[in-house]
Protein backbone atom coordinates (compact mmCIF):
# COMPACT_ATOMS: atom_id res chain seq x y z
CA UNK A 1 -2.71 -5.63 -13.36
CA UNK A 2 -5.52 -2.69 -12.36
CA UNK A 3 -8.67 -3.01 -10.33
CA UNK A 4 -11.24 -0.96 -12.81
CA UNK A 5 -14.59 0.38 -10.99
CA UNK A 6 -17.73 -0.50 -12.44
CA UNK A 7 -21.76 0.69 -12.21
CA UNK A 8 -25.13 -0.55 -13.62
CA UNK A 9 -26.24 2.29 -14.63
CA UNK A 10 -29.69 0.37 -14.06
CA UNK A 11 -29.30 -2.05 -10.30
CA UNK A 12 -26.92 0.67 -8.99
CA UNK A 13 -24.59 -2.46 -8.49
CA UNK A 14 -21.57 -1.53 -8.03
CA UNK A 15 -18.43 -4.03 -8.59
CA UNK A 16 -14.96 -4.08 -8.92
CA UNK A 17 -12.77 -5.96 -11.80
CA UNK A 18 -9.45 -7.08 -11.72
CA UNK A 19 -8.57 -7.11 -15.67
CA UNK A 20 -5.41 -6.13 -17.87
CA UNK A 21 -4.42 -2.91 -18.96
CA UNK A 22 -5.70 -3.62 -22.63
CA UNK A 23 -8.80 -5.60 -22.23
CA UNK A 24 -11.84 -4.06 -23.26
CA UNK A 25 -14.20 -2.91 -20.03
CA UNK A 26 -17.24 -5.38 -19.33
CA UNK A 27 -20.37 -5.04 -20.28
CA UNK A 28 -23.40 -6.74 -19.38
CA UNK A 29 -23.99 -6.22 -15.25
CA UNK A 30 -23.63 -9.28 -13.58
CA UNK A 31 -26.58 -9.12 -11.50
CA UNK A 32 -29.45 -7.40 -13.40
CA UNK A 33 -27.96 -8.97 -16.91
CA UNK A 34 -28.54 -6.42 -18.91
CA UNK A 35 -25.86 -3.65 -20.90
CA UNK A 36 -26.30 -0.56 -18.65
CA UNK A 37 -22.39 -0.67 -16.95
CA UNK A 38 -19.80 1.86 -17.26
CA UNK A 39 -15.99 2.58 -15.68
CA UNK A 40 -15.84 4.06 -12.59
CA UNK A 41 -12.94 6.68 -12.70
CA UNK A 42 -11.59 6.30 -9.03
CA UNK A 43 -8.28 7.12 -7.44
CA UNK A 44 -6.86 4.42 -6.60
CA UNK A 45 -4.89 3.13 -3.39
CA UNK A 46 -1.13 3.18 -4.29
CA UNK A 47 1.08 1.00 -2.97
CA UNK A 48 0.09 -0.44 0.78
CA UNK A 49 2.93 -1.70 3.19
CA UNK A 50 1.93 -4.71 5.01
CA UNK A 51 4.12 -5.82 8.50
CA UNK A 52 5.92 -3.69 9.89
CA UNK A 53 7.22 -2.11 7.33
CA UNK A 54 10.37 -2.30 5.42
CA UNK A 55 12.29 0.60 6.07
CA UNK A 56 11.92 0.44 10.16
CA UNK A 57 14.26 -2.89 9.63
CA UNK A 58 16.02 -2.58 6.92
CA UNK A 59 16.70 0.93 6.51
CA UNK A 60 16.25 2.93 9.64
CA UNK A 61 19.95 4.67 10.98
CA UNK A 62 19.53 4.98 14.63
CA UNK A 63 19.83 7.37 16.74
CA UNK A 64 19.36 10.78 15.15
CA UNK A 65 22.25 10.47 12.05
CA UNK A 66 23.81 7.30 12.57
CA UNK A 67 26.32 6.14 15.12
CA UNK A 68 29.13 9.25 16.58
CA UNK A 69 32.73 8.79 14.59
CA UNK A 70 33.79 9.27 17.86
CA UNK A 71 32.08 6.47 19.13
CA UNK A 72 32.76 3.67 15.56
CA UNK A 73 36.18 5.16 16.21
CA UNK A 74 36.96 3.74 19.78
CA UNK A 75 35.00 0.45 18.76
CA UNK A 76 37.20 -0.12 16.48
CA UNK A 77 40.46 0.38 18.50
CA UNK A 78 38.91 -2.12 20.77
CA UNK A 79 38.23 -4.39 18.28
CA UNK A 80 41.86 -4.25 17.40
CA UNK A 81 42.87 -4.28 20.68
CA UNK A 82 40.71 -7.36 21.68
CA UNK A 83 42.67 -8.81 18.47
CA UNK A 84 46.37 -9.07 20.32
């Protein structure tokens, strides 16, 4: 559900209201009580990711393009030697 911005033309009170898309726009100002508010078109804020970020912790590869294939092969060979 989006947050809509409103402004009262009478008292210039600005406020936000969390409403469903299908809801009718508000008509009465909560501050002065007059029927003079209108919905304001805003740019919105898009998505906000809080915290350390999912990309860094979940998807980012180590180094400049992942591990070196030669090093990967060496790791596999070492693990196979340890199993023997």
